Amino acid sequence: MSEVYIASRKSKYYLPKEEYLTVVHFCRQYPGWVTELEQMPDSGSAIRYDKVRVQTSGDYDANAELAMRRYQIAGKKKLVDDTAIEAAGILYPWLVLGVGYGKTYHELVQRGIPCCKNTYYEVRRRFYYTLSKKL
């Protein structure tokens, strides 16, 4: 992200630079969350089998650790998804591509976004503002 656009203080969706960047970078983790949820490792590796007995790795509970990690990631992803739906309505899929995957408006046009550039950027500002209040 070489250039950062910060809304004017007069804007109803104004965020201080640091808060804006926090929200932007939070959203940029979205693809990683999706990938991690799809490819979450099997927790069975914490259990060793031998001919006499089954051994676990002591006090460490891999299943609980995996469940907690999945819960945390799913919660973050849901927060972005729910806020995008709240802020964008039918533009939700394109907004997630823009804020999560870094797609430009031009790339979203190629994917069929059904609105003009000004509308998209207004919706995106509303999304960032709303999400910043939830974080």
Foldseek 3Di string as FASTA:
>chain_A
DPDDDADDPPDPLGDPPVLLVVLLVLLQCLVVLVVCLVCPDDLCVQWDDDDPDIDGVPPDDSVVVSVVVNVVSVVSNVLLQVLLCVLPPVQSVVLSCCSHVVDDVVVVVVVPRPDDPVVSVVSNSSSSSVSSVVD
